[in-house]
Amino acid sequence: MLNLMIVRSPISRSRVARASLAASLRCLAGLVGLFVAAALAAAPAVAQDRFTLGSPSLTVAEVQGRPPMVERLRSQGYEIWRYGESWVRISAETDQVIGWWNADGRLKVEM
């Protein structure tokens, strides 16, 4: 009769645990992706008619149209989109609205 003894070292248990955790995380990521996709598909597309602080630059472009003039001040970390006498400041890092000046009332903006 042959007796076999299986010895598991802490290293092998650690590898198995990491592999199991990685597989669980991949599964979870897939489920989250499915949930987000389903939520986006179910949500009706709503056209925005205004922008505000934190709005993405794409929203500004949708609401205001493409700016006739853009000043790229990368060394200062932002761009200025000019619409007549008014302007919108866009962060170069986050691509979001960080300020504006509605001098001639052209901007469709809200606080």
PDB file of N, CA and C in Angstrom:
ATOM      1  N   MET A   1       0.836  -1.158   0.000  1.00  0.00           N
ATOM      2  CA  MET A   1       0.000   0.000   0.000  1.00  0.00           C
ATOM      3  C   MET A   1       0.889   1.231   0.000  1.00  0.00           C
ATOM      4  N   LEU A   2       0.501   2.184  -0.853  1.00  0.00           N
ATOM      5  CA  LEU A   2       1.308   3.380  -1.022  1.00  0.00           C
ATOM      6  C   LEU A   2       0.606   4.540  -0.337  1.00  0.00           C
ATOM      7  N   ASN A   3       1.314   5.154   0.566  1.00  0.00           N
ATOM      8  CA  ASN A   3       0.767   6.333   1.242  1.00  0.00           C
ATOM      9  C   ASN A   3       1.346   7.585   0.599  1.00  0.00           C
ATOM     10  N   LEU A   4       0.459   8.461   0.162  1.00  0.00           N
ATOM     11  CA  LEU A   4       0.899   9.727  -0.412  1.00  0.00           C
ATOM     12  C   LEU A   4       0.572  10.847   0.557  1.00  0.00           C
ATOM     13  N   MET A   5       1.524  11.695   0.700  1.00  0.00           N
ATOM     14  CA  MET A   5       1.311  12.824   1.570  1.00  0.00           C
ATOM     15  C   MET A   5       1.436  14.097   0.715  1.00  0.00           C
ATOM     16  N   ILE A   6       0.407  14.891   0.736  1.00  0.00           N
ATOM     17  CA  ILE A   6       0.445  16.152  -0.007  1.00  0.00           C
ATOM     18  C   ILE A   6       0.777  17.257   0.968  1.00  0.00           C
ATOM     19  N   VAL A   7       1.847  17.907   0.659  1.00  0.00           N
ATOM     20  CA  VAL A   7       2.290  18.994   1.516  1.00  0.00           C
ATOM     21  C   VAL A   7       2.091  20.296   0.746  1.00  0.00           C
ATOM     22  N   ARG A   8       1.364  21.202   1.354  1.00  0.00           N
ATOM     23  CA  ARG A   8       1.167  22.503   0.727  1.00  0.00           C
ATOM     24  C   ARG A   8       1.962  23.526   1.501  1.00  0.00           C
ATOM     25  N   SER A   9       2.790  24.187   0.781  1.00  0.00           N
ATOM     26  CA  SER A   9       3.587  25.224   1.424  1.00  0.00           C
ATOM     27  C   SER A   9       2.782  26.516   1.441  1.00  0.00           C
ATOM     28  N   PRO A  10       3.143  27.442   2.292  1.00  0.00           N
ATOM     29  CA  PRO A  10       2.460  28.742   2.315  1.00  0.00           C
ATOM     30  C   PRO A  10       2.563  29.462   0.971  1.00  0.00           C
ATOM     31  N   ILE A  11       3.625  29.204   0.245  1.00  0.00           N
ATOM     32  CA  ILE A  11       3.809  29.862  -1.045  1.00  0.00           C
ATOM     33  C   ILE A  11       2.762  29.377  -2.033  1.00  0.00           C
ATOM     34  N   SER A  12       2.517  28.060  -2.068  1.00  0.00           N
ATOM     35  CA  SER A  12       1.543  27.546  -3.020  1.00  0.00           C
ATOM     36  C   SER A  12       0.138  28.019  -2.657  1.00  0.00           C
ATOM     37  N   ARG A  13      -0.181  28.096  -1.374  1.00  0.00           N
ATOM     38  CA  ARG A  13      -1.491  28.616  -0.964  1.00  0.00           C
ATOM     39  C   ARG A  13      -1.632  30.075  -1.364  1.00  0.00           C
ATOM     40  N   SER A  14      -0.554  30.818  -1.239  1.00  0.00           N
ATOM     41  CA  SER A  14      -0.574  32.230  -1.604  1.00  0.00           C
ATOM     42  C   SER A  14      -0.814  32.399  -3.093  1.00  0.00           C
ATOM     43  N   ARG A  15      -0.168  31.574  -3.902  1.00  0.00           N
ATOM     44  CA  ARG A  15      -0.365  31.642  -5.354  1.00  0.00           C
ATOM     45  C   ARG A  15      -1.800  31.291  -5.722  1.00  0.00           C
ATOM     46  N   VAL A  16      -2.347  30.256  -5.089  1.00  0.00           N
ATOM     47  CA  VAL A  16      -3.723  29.846  -5.348  1.00  0.00           C
ATOM     48  C   VAL A  16      -4.674  30.957  -4.939  1.00  0.00           C
ATOM     49  N   ALA A  17      -4.434  31.567  -3.800  1.00  0.00           N
ATOM     50  CA  ALA A  17      -5.295  32.645  -3.326  1.00  0.00           C
ATOM     51  C   ALA A  17      -5.239  33.836  -4.288  1.00  0.00           C
ATOM     52  N   ARG A  18      -4.040  34.164  -4.756  1.00  0.00           N
ATOM     53  CA  ARG A  18      -3.915  35.288  -5.702  1.00  0.00           C
ATOM     54  C   ARG A  18      -4.632  34.974  -7.007  1.00  0.00           C
ATOM     55  N   ALA A  19      -4.485  33.758  -7.497  1.00  0.00           N
ATOM     56  CA  ALA A  19      -5.145  33.370  -8.742  1.00  0.00           C
ATOM     57  C   ALA A  19      -6.666  33.416  -8.574  1.00  0.00           C
ATOM     58  N   SER A  20      -7.136  32.938  -7.431  1.00  0.00           N
ATOM     59  CA  SER A  20      -8.571  32.956  -7.153  1.00  0.00           C
ATOM     60  C   SER A  20      -9.084  34.391  -7.049  1.00  0.00           C
ATOM     61  N   LEU A  21      -8.342  35.237  -6.389  1.00  0.00           N
ATOM     62  CA  LEU A  21      -8.719  36.641  -6.264  1.00  0.00           C
ATOM     63  C   LEU A  21      -8.737  37.322  -7.626  1.00  0.00           C
ATOM     64  N   ALA A  22      -7.738  37.049  -8.441  1.00  0.00           N
ATOM     65  CA  ALA A  22      -7.680  37.637  -9.777  1.00  0.00           C
ATOM     66  C   ALA A  22      -8.883  37.197 -10.612  1.00  0.00           C
ATOM     67  N   ALA A  23      -9.242  35.921 -10.531  1.00  0.00           N
ATOM     68  CA  ALA A  23     -10.397  35.422 -11.276  1.00  0.00           C
ATOM     69  C   ALA A  23     -11.687  36.077 -10.775  1.00  0.00           C
ATOM     70  N   SER A  24     -11.806  36.250  -9.477  1.00  0.00           N
ATOM     71  CA  SER A  24     -12.987  36.901  -8.909  1.00  0.00           C
ATOM     72  C   SER A  24     -13.080  38.352  -9.363  1.00  0.00           C
ATOM     73  N   LEU A  25     -11.951  39.042  -9.388  1.00  0.00           N
ATOM     74  CA  LEU A  25     -11.946  40.440  -9.816  1.00  0.00           C
ATOM     75  C   LEU A  25     -12.305  40.567 -11.300  1.00  0.00           C
ATOM     76  N   ARG A  26     -11.804  39.651 -12.127  1.00  0.00           N
ATOM     77  CA  ARG A  26     -12.171  39.682 -13.548  1.00  0.00           C
ATOM     78  C   ARG A  26     -13.667  39.476 -13.720  1.00  0.00           C
ATOM     79  N   CYS A  27     -14.233  38.560 -12.972  1.00  0.00           N
ATOM     80  CA  CYS A  27     -15.668  38.294 -13.034  1.00  0.00           C
ATOM     81  C   CYS A  27     -16.455  39.521 -12.581  1.00  0.00           C
ATOM     82  N   LEU A  28     -16.029  40.136 -11.488  1.00  0.00           N
ATOM     83  CA  LEU A  28     -16.688  41.321 -10.966  1.00  0.00           C
ATOM     84  C   LEU A  28     -16.616  42.470 -11.970  1.00  0.00           C
ATOM     85  N   ALA A  29     -15.454  42.649 -12.583  1.00  0.00           N
ATOM     86  CA  ALA A  29     -15.301  43.709 -13.583  1.00  0.00           C
ATOM     87  C   ALA A  29     -16.244  43.479 -14.761  1.00  0.00           C
ATOM     88  N   GLY A  30     -16.390  42.233 -15.162  1.00  0.00           N
ATOM     89  CA  GLY A  30     -17.319  41.923 -16.244  1.00  0.00           C
ATOM     90  C   GLY A  30     -18.751  42.239 -15.874  1.00  0.00           C
ATOM     91  N   LEU A  31     -19.140  41.908 -14.635  1.00  0.00           N
ATOM     92  CA  LEU A  31     -20.500  42.201 -14.186  1.00  0.00           C
ATOM     93  C   LEU A  31     -20.743  43.700 -14.100  1.00  0.00           C
ATOM     94  N   VAL A  32     -19.772  44.440 -13.597  1.00  0.00           N
ATOM     95  CA  VAL A  32     -19.900  45.894 -13.510  1.00  0.00           C
ATOM     96  C   VAL A  32     -20.035  46.482 -14.911  1.00  0.00           C
ATOM     97  N   GLY A  33     -19.225  46.001 -15.843  1.00  0.00           N
ATOM     98  CA  GLY A  33     -19.319  46.465 -17.225  1.00  0.00           C
ATOM     99  C   GLY A  33     -20.697  46.217 -17.813  1.00  0.00           C
ATOM    100  N   LEU A  34     -21.261  45.048 -17.552  1.00  0.00           N
ATOM    101  CA  LEU A  34     -22.601  44.736 -18.047  1.00  0.00           C
ATOM    102  C   LEU A  34     -23.650  45.643 -17.416  1.00  0.00           C
ATOM    103  N   PHE A  35     -23.509  45.901 -16.120  1.00  0.00           N
ATOM    104  CA  PHE A  35     -24.454  46.763 -15.420  1.00  0.00           C
ATOM    105  C   PHE A  35     -24.414  48.181 -15.981  1.00  0.00           C
ATOM    106  N   VAL A  36     -23.218  48.715 -16.178  1.00  0.00           N
ATOM    107  CA  VAL A  36     -23.069  50.069 -16.717  1.00  0.00           C
ATOM    108  C   VAL A  36     -23.629  50.144 -18.130  1.00  0.00           C
ATOM    109  N   ALA A  37     -23.331  49.157 -18.952  1.00  0.00           N
ATOM    110  CA  ALA A  37     -23.836  49.146 -20.323  1.00  0.00           C
ATOM    111  C   ALA A  37     -25.361  49.098 -20.341  1.00  0.00           C
ATOM    112  N   ALA A  38     -25.949  48.300 -19.473  1.00  0.00           N
ATOM    113  CA  ALA A  38     -27.408  48.211 -19.409  1.00  0.00           C
ATOM    114  C   ALA A  38     -28.015  49.522 -18.934  1.00  0.00           C
ATOM    115  N   ALA A  39     -27.387  50.157 -17.954  1.00  0.00           N
ATOM    116  CA  ALA A  39     -27.900  51.433 -17.445  1.00  0.00           C
ATOM    117  C   ALA A  39     -27.824  52.514 -18.522  1.00  0.00           C
ATOM    118  N   LEU A  40     -26.733  52.541 -19.267  1.00  0.00           N
ATOM    119  CA  LEU A  40     -26.592  53.537 -20.331  1.00  0.00           C
ATOM    120  C   LEU A  40     -27.594  53.293 -21.450  1.00  0.00           C
ATOM    121  N   ALA A  41     -27.847  52.037 -21.759  1.00  0.00           N
ATOM    122  CA  ALA A  41     -28.797  51.717 -22.817  1.00  0.00           C
ATOM    123  C   ALA A  41     -30.217  52.093 -22.401  1.00  0.00           C
ATOM    124  N   ALA A  42     -30.528  51.959 -21.115  1.00  0.00           N
ATOM    125  CA  ALA A  42     -31.875  52.244 -20.632  1.00  0.00           C
ATOM    126  C   ALA A  42     -32.118  53.739 -20.450  1.00  0.00           C
ATOM    127  N   ALA A  43     -31.058  54.519 -20.223  1.00  0.00           N
ATOM    128  CA  ALA A  43     -31.215  55.949 -19.984  1.00  0.00           C
ATOM    129  C   ALA A  43     -31.443  56.682 -21.304  1.00  0.00           C
ATOM    130  N   PRO A  44     -32.467  57.509 -21.345  1.00  0.00           N
ATOM    131  CA  PRO A  44     -32.689  58.260 -22.575  1.00  0.00           C
ATOM    132  C   PRO A  44     -31.625  59.336 -22.741  1.00  0.00           C
ATOM    133  N   ALA A  45     -31.241  59.586 -23.974  1.00  0.00           N
ATOM    134  CA  ALA A  45     -30.258  60.625 -24.245  1.00  0.00           C
ATOM    135  C   ALA A  45     -30.942  61.978 -24.097  1.00  0.00           C
ATOM    136  N   VAL A  46     -30.394  62.816 -23.249  1.00  0.00           N
ATOM    137  CA  VAL A  46     -30.964  64.124 -23.010  1.00  0.00           C
ATOM    138  C   VAL A  46     -29.975  65.170 -23.502  1.00  0.00           C
ATOM    139  N   ALA A  47     -30.418  65.984 -24.413  1.00  0.00           N
ATOM    140  CA  ALA A  47     -29.555  67.051 -24.910  1.00  0.00           C
ATOM    141  C   ALA A  47     -29.506  68.150 -23.850  1.00  0.00           C
ATOM    142  N   GLN A  48     -28.302  68.577 -23.540  1.00  0.00           N
ATOM    143  CA  GLN A  48     -28.159  69.639 -22.556  1.00  0.00           C
ATOM    144  C   GLN A  48     -28.239  70.983 -23.258  1.00  0.00           C
ATOM    145  N   ASP A  49     -28.868  71.954 -22.578  1.00  0.00           N
ATOM    146  CA  ASP A  49     -28.972  73.275 -23.172  1.00  0.00           C
ATOM    147  C   ASP A  49     -28.133  74.302 -22.405  1.00  0.00           C
ATOM    148  N   ARG A  50     -27.425  73.856 -21.375  1.00  0.00           N
ATOM    149  CA  ARG A  50     -26.570  74.733 -20.572  1.00  0.00           C
ATOM    150  C   ARG A  50     -25.354  73.945 -20.096  1.00  0.00           C
ATOM    151  N   PHE A  51     -24.320  74.676 -19.699  1.00  0.00           N
ATOM    152  CA  PHE A  51     -23.158  74.051 -19.058  1.00  0.00           C
ATOM    153  C   PHE A  51     -22.864  74.794 -17.772  1.00  0.00           C
ATOM    154  N   THR A  52     -22.001  74.229 -16.945  1.00  0.00           N
ATOM    155  CA  THR A  52     -21.659  74.815 -15.654  1.00  0.00           C
ATOM    156  C   THR A  52     -20.244  74.408 -15.269  1.00  0.00           C
ATOM    157  N   LEU A  53     -19.807  74.811 -14.079  1.00  0.00           N
ATOM    158  CA  LEU A  53     -18.488  74.397 -13.595  1.00  0.00           C
ATOM    159  C   LEU A  53     -18.408  72.879 -13.551  1.00  0.00           C
ATOM    160  N   GLY A  54     -17.330  72.342 -14.051  1.00  0.00           N
ATOM    161  CA  GLY A  54     -17.142  70.897 -14.052  1.00  0.00           C
ATOM    162  C   GLY A  54     -17.676  70.200 -15.289  1.00  0.00           C
ATOM    163  N   SER A  55     -18.417  70.915 -16.130  1.00  0.00           N
ATOM    164  CA  SER A  55     -18.913  70.293 -17.369  1.00  0.00           C
ATOM    165  C   SER A  55     -17.742  69.937 -18.270  1.00  0.00           C
ATOM    166  N   PRO A  56     -17.829  68.797 -18.967  1.00  0.00           N
ATOM    167  CA  PRO A  56     -16.776  68.444 -19.921  1.00  0.00           C
ATOM    168  C   PRO A  56     -16.772  69.420 -21.101  1.00  0.00           C
ATOM    169  N   SER A  57     -15.630  69.569 -21.732  1.00  0.00           N
ATOM    170  CA  SER A  57     -15.523  70.476 -22.877  1.00  0.00           C
ATOM    171  C   SER A  57     -16.459  70.058 -24.010  1.00  0.00           C
ATOM    172  N   LEU A  58     -16.733  68.761 -24.132  1.00  0.00           N
ATOM    173  CA  LEU A  58     -17.671  68.303 -25.163  1.00  0.00           C
ATOM    174  C   LEU A  58     -19.071  68.885 -24.946  1.00  0.00           C
ATOM    175  N   THR A  59     -19.480  69.024 -23.690  1.00  0.00           N
ATOM    176  CA  THR A  59     -20.777  69.624 -23.390  1.00  0.00           C
ATOM    177  C   THR A  59     -20.793  71.088 -23.812  1.00  0.00           C
ATOM    178  N   VAL A  60     -19.693  71.807 -23.524  1.00  0.00           N
ATOM    179  CA  VAL A  60     -19.605  73.210 -23.935  1.00  0.00           C
ATOM    180  C   VAL A  60     -19.717  73.306 -25.455  1.00  0.00           C
ATOM    181  N   ALA A  61     -19.009  72.438 -26.163  1.00  0.00           N
ATOM    182  CA  ALA A  61     -19.046  72.457 -27.626  1.00  0.00           C
ATOM    183  C   ALA A  61     -20.446  72.129 -28.149  1.00  0.00           C
ATOM    184  N   GLU A  62     -21.152  71.221 -27.488  1.00  0.00           N
ATOM    185  CA  GLU A  62     -22.518  70.879 -27.904  1.00  0.00           C
ATOM    186  C   GLU A  62     -23.465  72.054 -27.672  1.00  0.00           C
ATOM    187  N   VAL A  63     -23.308  72.735 -26.533  1.00  0.00           N
ATOM    188  CA  VAL A  63     -24.203  73.826 -26.164  1.00  0.00           C
ATOM    189  C   VAL A  63     -23.880  75.100 -26.933  1.00  0.00           C
ATOM    190  N   GLN A  64     -22.619  75.453 -27.003  1.00  0.00           N
ATOM    191  CA  GLN A  64     -22.198  76.722 -27.592  1.00  0.00           C
ATOM    192  C   GLN A  64     -21.756  76.614 -29.046  1.00  0.00           C
ATOM    193  N   GLY A  65     -21.426  75.407 -29.476  1.00  0.00           N
ATOM    194  CA  GLY A  65     -20.790  75.240 -30.767  1.00  0.00           C
ATOM    195  C   GLY A  65     -19.280  75.348 -30.585  1.00  0.00           C
ATOM    196  N   ARG A  66     -18.541  75.012 -31.636  1.00  0.00           N
ATOM    197  CA  ARG A  66     -17.079  75.121 -31.560  1.00  0.00           C
ATOM    198  C   ARG A  66     -16.695  76.583 -31.441  1.00  0.00           C
ATOM    199  N   PRO A  67     -15.731  76.900 -30.594  1.00  0.00           N
ATOM    200  CA  PRO A  67     -15.358  78.306 -30.415  1.00  0.00           C
ATOM    201  C   PRO A  67     -14.642  78.860 -31.650  1.00  0.00           C
ATOM    202  N   PRO A  68     -14.934  80.113 -31.989  1.00  0.00           N
ATOM    203  CA  PRO A  68     -14.236  80.737 -33.105  1.00  0.00           C
ATOM    204  C   PRO A  68     -12.740  80.917 -32.831  1.00  0.00           C
ATOM    205  N   MET A  69     -12.385  81.036 -31.550  1.00  0.00           N
ATOM    206  CA  MET A  69     -10.982  81.212 -31.203  1.00  0.00           C
ATOM    207  C   MET A  69     -10.664  80.444 -29.918  1.00  0.00           C
ATOM    208  N   VAL A  70      -9.522  79.754 -29.924  1.00  0.00           N
ATOM    209  CA  VAL A  70      -9.061  79.013 -28.748  1.00  0.00           C
ATOM    210  C   VAL A  70      -7.637  79.463 -28.425  1.00  0.00           C
ATOM    211  N   GLU A  71      -7.428  79.854 -27.178  1.00  0.00           N
ATOM    212  CA  GLU A  71      -6.078  80.175 -26.704  1.00  0.00           C
ATOM    213  C   GLU A  71      -5.611  79.007 -25.856  1.00  0.00           C
ATOM    214  N   ARG A  72      -4.546  78.359 -26.275  1.00  0.00           N
ATOM    215  CA  ARG A  72      -4.009  77.215 -25.523  1.00  0.00           C
ATOM    216  C   ARG A  72      -2.870  77.705 -24.640  1.00  0.00           C
ATOM    217  N   LEU A  73      -3.108  77.720 -23.368  1.00  0.00           N
ATOM    218  CA  LEU A  73      -2.128  78.177 -22.386  1.00  0.00           C
ATOM    219  C   LEU A  73      -1.687  76.983 -21.546  1.00  0.00           C
ATOM    220  N   ARG A  74      -1.075  76.010 -22.196  1.00  0.00           N
ATOM    221  CA  ARG A  74      -0.700  74.746 -21.537  1.00  0.00           C
ATOM    222  C   ARG A  74       0.218  74.981 -20.341  1.00  0.00           C
ATOM    223  N   SER A  75       1.117  75.956 -20.438  1.00  0.00           N
ATOM    224  CA  SER A  75       2.038  76.209 -19.322  1.00  0.00           C
ATOM    225  C   SER A  75       1.274  76.660 -18.078  1.00  0.00           C
ATOM    226  N   GLN A  76       0.085  77.238 -18.275  1.00  0.00           N
ATOM    227  CA  GLN A  76      -0.741  77.651 -17.141  1.00  0.00           C
ATOM    228  C   GLN A  76      -1.802  76.612 -16.803  1.00  0.00           C
ATOM    229  N   GLY A  77      -1.906  75.589 -17.642  1.00  0.00           N
ATOM    230  CA  GLY A  77      -2.793  74.471 -17.336  1.00  0.00           C
ATOM    231  C   GLY A  77      -4.229  74.637 -17.802  1.00  0.00           C
ATOM    232  N   TYR A  78      -4.484  75.550 -18.755  1.00  0.00           N
ATOM    233  CA  TYR A  78      -5.846  75.689 -19.243  1.00  0.00           C
ATOM    234  C   TYR A  78      -5.880  76.252 -20.658  1.00  0.00           C
ATOM    235  N   GLU A  79      -7.082  76.187 -21.244  1.00  0.00           N
ATOM    236  CA  GLU A  79      -7.380  76.788 -22.540  1.00  0.00           C
ATOM    237  C   GLU A  79      -8.483  77.806 -22.321  1.00  0.00           C
ATOM    238  N   ILE A  80      -8.522  78.827 -23.158  1.00  0.00           N
ATOM    239  CA  ILE A  80      -9.621  79.776 -23.133  1.00  0.00           C
ATOM    240  C   ILE A  80     -10.335  79.682 -24.472  1.00  0.00           C
ATOM    241  N   TRP A  81     -11.617  79.350 -24.400  1.00  0.00           N
ATOM    242  CA  TRP A  81     -12.454  79.297 -25.591  1.00  0.00           C
ATOM    243  C   TRP A  81     -13.206  80.617 -25.664  1.00  0.00           C
ATOM    244  N   ARG A  82     -13.034  81.358 -26.737  1.00  0.00           N
ATOM    245  CA  ARG A  82     -13.648  82.687 -26.876  1.00  0.00           C
ATOM    246  C   ARG A  82     -14.886  82.620 -27.765  1.00  0.00           C
ATOM    247  N   TYR A  83     -15.943  83.262 -27.270  1.00  0.00           N
ATOM    248  CA  TYR A  83     -17.197  83.431 -27.994  1.00  0.00           C
ATOM    249  C   TYR A  83     -17.532  84.920 -27.923  1.00  0.00           C
ATOM    250  N   GLY A  84     -17.175  85.666 -28.934  1.00  0.00           N
ATOM    251  CA  GLY A  84     -17.362  87.116 -28.883  1.00  0.00           C
ATOM    252  C   GLY A  84     -16.527  87.699 -27.752  1.00  0.00           C
ATOM    253  N   GLU A  85     -17.179  88.500 -26.905  1.00  0.00           N
ATOM    254  CA  GLU A  85     -16.489  89.090 -25.751  1.00  0.00           C
ATOM    255  C   GLU A  85     -16.454  88.132 -24.557  1.00  0.00           C
ATOM    256  N   SER A  86     -17.208  87.063 -24.628  1.00  0.00           N
ATOM    257  CA  SER A  86     -17.277  86.090 -23.535  1.00  0.00           C
ATOM    258  C   SER A  86     -16.242  84.991 -23.745  1.00  0.00           C
ATOM    259  N   TRP A  87     -15.899  84.293 -22.664  1.00  0.00           N
ATOM    260  CA  TRP A  87     -14.951  83.188 -22.770  1.00  0.00           C
ATOM    261  C   TRP A  87     -15.256  82.114 -21.741  1.00  0.00           C
ATOM    262  N   VAL A  88     -14.757  80.907 -22.035  1.00  0.00           N
ATOM    263  CA  VAL A  88     -14.869  79.752 -21.133  1.00  0.00           C
ATOM    264  C   VAL A  88     -13.467  79.224 -20.909  1.00  0.00           C
ATOM    265  N   ARG A  89     -13.106  78.991 -19.655  1.00  0.00           N
ATOM    266  CA  ARG A  89     -11.787  78.444 -19.320  1.00  0.00           C
ATOM    267  C   ARG A  89     -11.931  76.941 -19.094  1.00  0.00           C
ATOM    268  N   ILE A  90     -11.119  76.163 -19.833  1.00  0.00           N
ATOM    269  CA  ILE A  90     -11.148  74.695 -19.782  1.00  0.00           C
ATOM    270  C   ILE A  90      -9.817  74.197 -19.216  1.00  0.00           C
ATOM    271  N   SER A  91      -9.876  73.340 -18.209  1.00  0.00           N
ATOM    272  CA  SER A  91      -8.670  72.757 -17.625  1.00  0.00           C
ATOM    273  C   SER A  91      -7.986  71.837 -18.636  1.00  0.00           C
ATOM    274  N   ALA A  92      -6.686  72.011 -18.802  1.00  0.00           N
ATOM    275  CA  ALA A  92      -5.929  71.138 -19.706  1.00  0.00           C
ATOM    276  C   ALA A  92      -5.785  69.740 -19.115  1.00  0.00           C
ATOM    277  N   GLU A  93      -5.823  69.636 -17.801  1.00  0.00           N
ATOM    278  CA  GLU A  93      -5.644  68.341 -17.129  1.00  0.00           C
ATOM    279  C   GLU A  93      -6.920  67.506 -17.143  1.00  0.00           C
ATOM    280  N   THR A  94      -8.050  68.124 -16.786  1.00  0.00           N
ATOM    281  CA  THR A  94      -9.293  67.361 -16.654  1.00  0.00           C
ATOM    282  C   THR A  94     -10.242  67.534 -17.838  1.00  0.00           C
ATOM    283  N   ASP A  95      -9.971  68.519 -18.711  1.00  0.00           N
ATOM    284  CA  ASP A  95     -10.820  68.812 -19.863  1.00  0.00           C
ATOM    285  C   ASP A  95     -12.228  69.199 -19.421  1.00  0.00           C
ATOM    286  N   GLN A  96     -12.312  69.948 -18.299  1.00  0.00           N
ATOM    287  CA  GLN A  96     -13.590  70.394 -17.764  1.00  0.00           C
ATOM    288  C   GLN A  96     -13.578  71.903 -17.576  1.00  0.00           C
ATOM    289  N   VAL A  97     -14.782  72.485 -17.507  1.00  0.00           N
ATOM    290  CA  VAL A  97     -14.930  73.926 -17.296  1.00  0.00           C
ATOM    291  C   VAL A  97     -14.452  74.290 -15.894  1.00  0.00           C
ATOM    292  N   ILE A  98     -13.543  75.278 -15.823  1.00  0.00           N
ATOM    293  CA  ILE A  98     -13.066  75.755 -14.523  1.00  0.00           C
ATOM    294  C   ILE A  98     -13.378  77.238 -14.313  1.00  0.00           C
ATOM    295  N   GLY A  99     -13.995  77.865 -15.310  1.00  0.00           N
ATOM    296  CA  GLY A  99     -14.389  79.254 -15.156  1.00  0.00           C
ATOM    297  C   GLY A  99     -14.938  79.815 -16.455  1.00  0.00           C
ATOM    298  N   TRP A 100     -15.560  81.002 -16.369  1.00  0.00           N
ATOM    299  CA  TRP A 100     -16.060  81.676 -17.555  1.00  0.00           C
ATOM    300  C   TRP A 100     -16.274  83.152 -17.251  1.00  0.00           C
ATOM    301  N   TRP A 101     -16.450  83.925 -18.306  1.00  0.00           N
ATOM    302  CA  TRP A 101     -16.813  85.333 -18.206  1.00  0.00           C
ATOM    303  C   TRP A 101     -17.853  85.575 -19.289  1.00  0.00           C
ATOM    304  N   ASN A 102     -19.085  85.846 -18.882  1.00  0.00           N
ATOM    305  CA  ASN A 102     -20.195  86.013 -19.813  1.00  0.00           C
ATOM    306  C   ASN A 102     -20.424  87.500 -20.067  1.00  0.00           C
ATOM    307  N   ALA A 103     -19.430  88.156 -20.658  1.00  0.00           N
ATOM    308  CA  ALA A 103     -19.434  89.607 -20.828  1.00  0.00           C
ATOM    309  C   ALA A 103     -20.576  90.098 -21.707  1.00  0.00           C
ATOM    310  N   ASP A 104     -20.884  89.399 -22.782  1.00  0.00           N
ATOM    311  CA  ASP A 104     -21.921  89.871 -23.705  1.00  0.00           C
ATOM    312  C   ASP A 104     -23.185  89.014 -23.672  1.00  0.00           C
ATOM    313  N   GLY A 105     -23.291  88.120 -22.685  1.00  0.00           N
ATOM    314  CA  GLY A 105     -24.502  87.318 -22.512  1.00  0.00           C
ATOM    315  C   GLY A 105     -24.671  86.182 -23.508  1.00  0.00           C
ATOM    316  N   ARG A 106     -23.628  85.849 -24.249  1.00  0.00           N
ATOM    317  CA  ARG A 106     -23.732  84.769 -25.255  1.00  0.00           C
ATOM    318  C   ARG A 106     -23.713  83.373 -24.657  1.00  0.00           C
ATOM    319  N   LEU A 107     -23.091  83.238 -23.511  1.00  0.00           N
ATOM    320  CA  LEU A 107     -22.896  81.895 -22.949  1.00  0.00           C
ATOM    321  C   LEU A 107     -24.178  81.358 -22.335  1.00  0.00           C
ATOM    322  N   LYS A 108     -24.464  80.112 -22.638  1.00  0.00           N
ATOM    323  CA  LYS A 108     -25.612  79.403 -22.054  1.00  0.00           C
ATOM    324  C   LYS A 108     -25.095  78.637 -20.855  1.00  0.00           C
ATOM    325  N   VAL A 109     -24.954  79.348 -19.750  1.00  0.00           N
ATOM    326  CA  VAL A 109     -24.273  78.836 -18.575  1.00  0.00           C
ATOM    327  C   VAL A 109     -25.160  79.025 -17.352  1.00  0.00           C
ATOM    328  N   GLU A 110     -24.983  78.155 -16.378  1.00  0.00           N
ATOM    329  CA  GLU A 110     -25.706  78.294 -15.108  1.00  0.00           C
ATOM    330  C   GLU A 110     -24.784  77.962 -13.967  1.00  0.00           C
ATOM    331  N   MET A 111     -25.053  78.518 -12.838  1.00  0.00           N
ATOM    332  CA  MET A 111     -24.242  78.274 -11.639  1.00  0.00           C
ATOM    333  C   MET A 111     -24.617  76.999 -10.962  1.00  0.00           C
TER     334      MET A 111
END
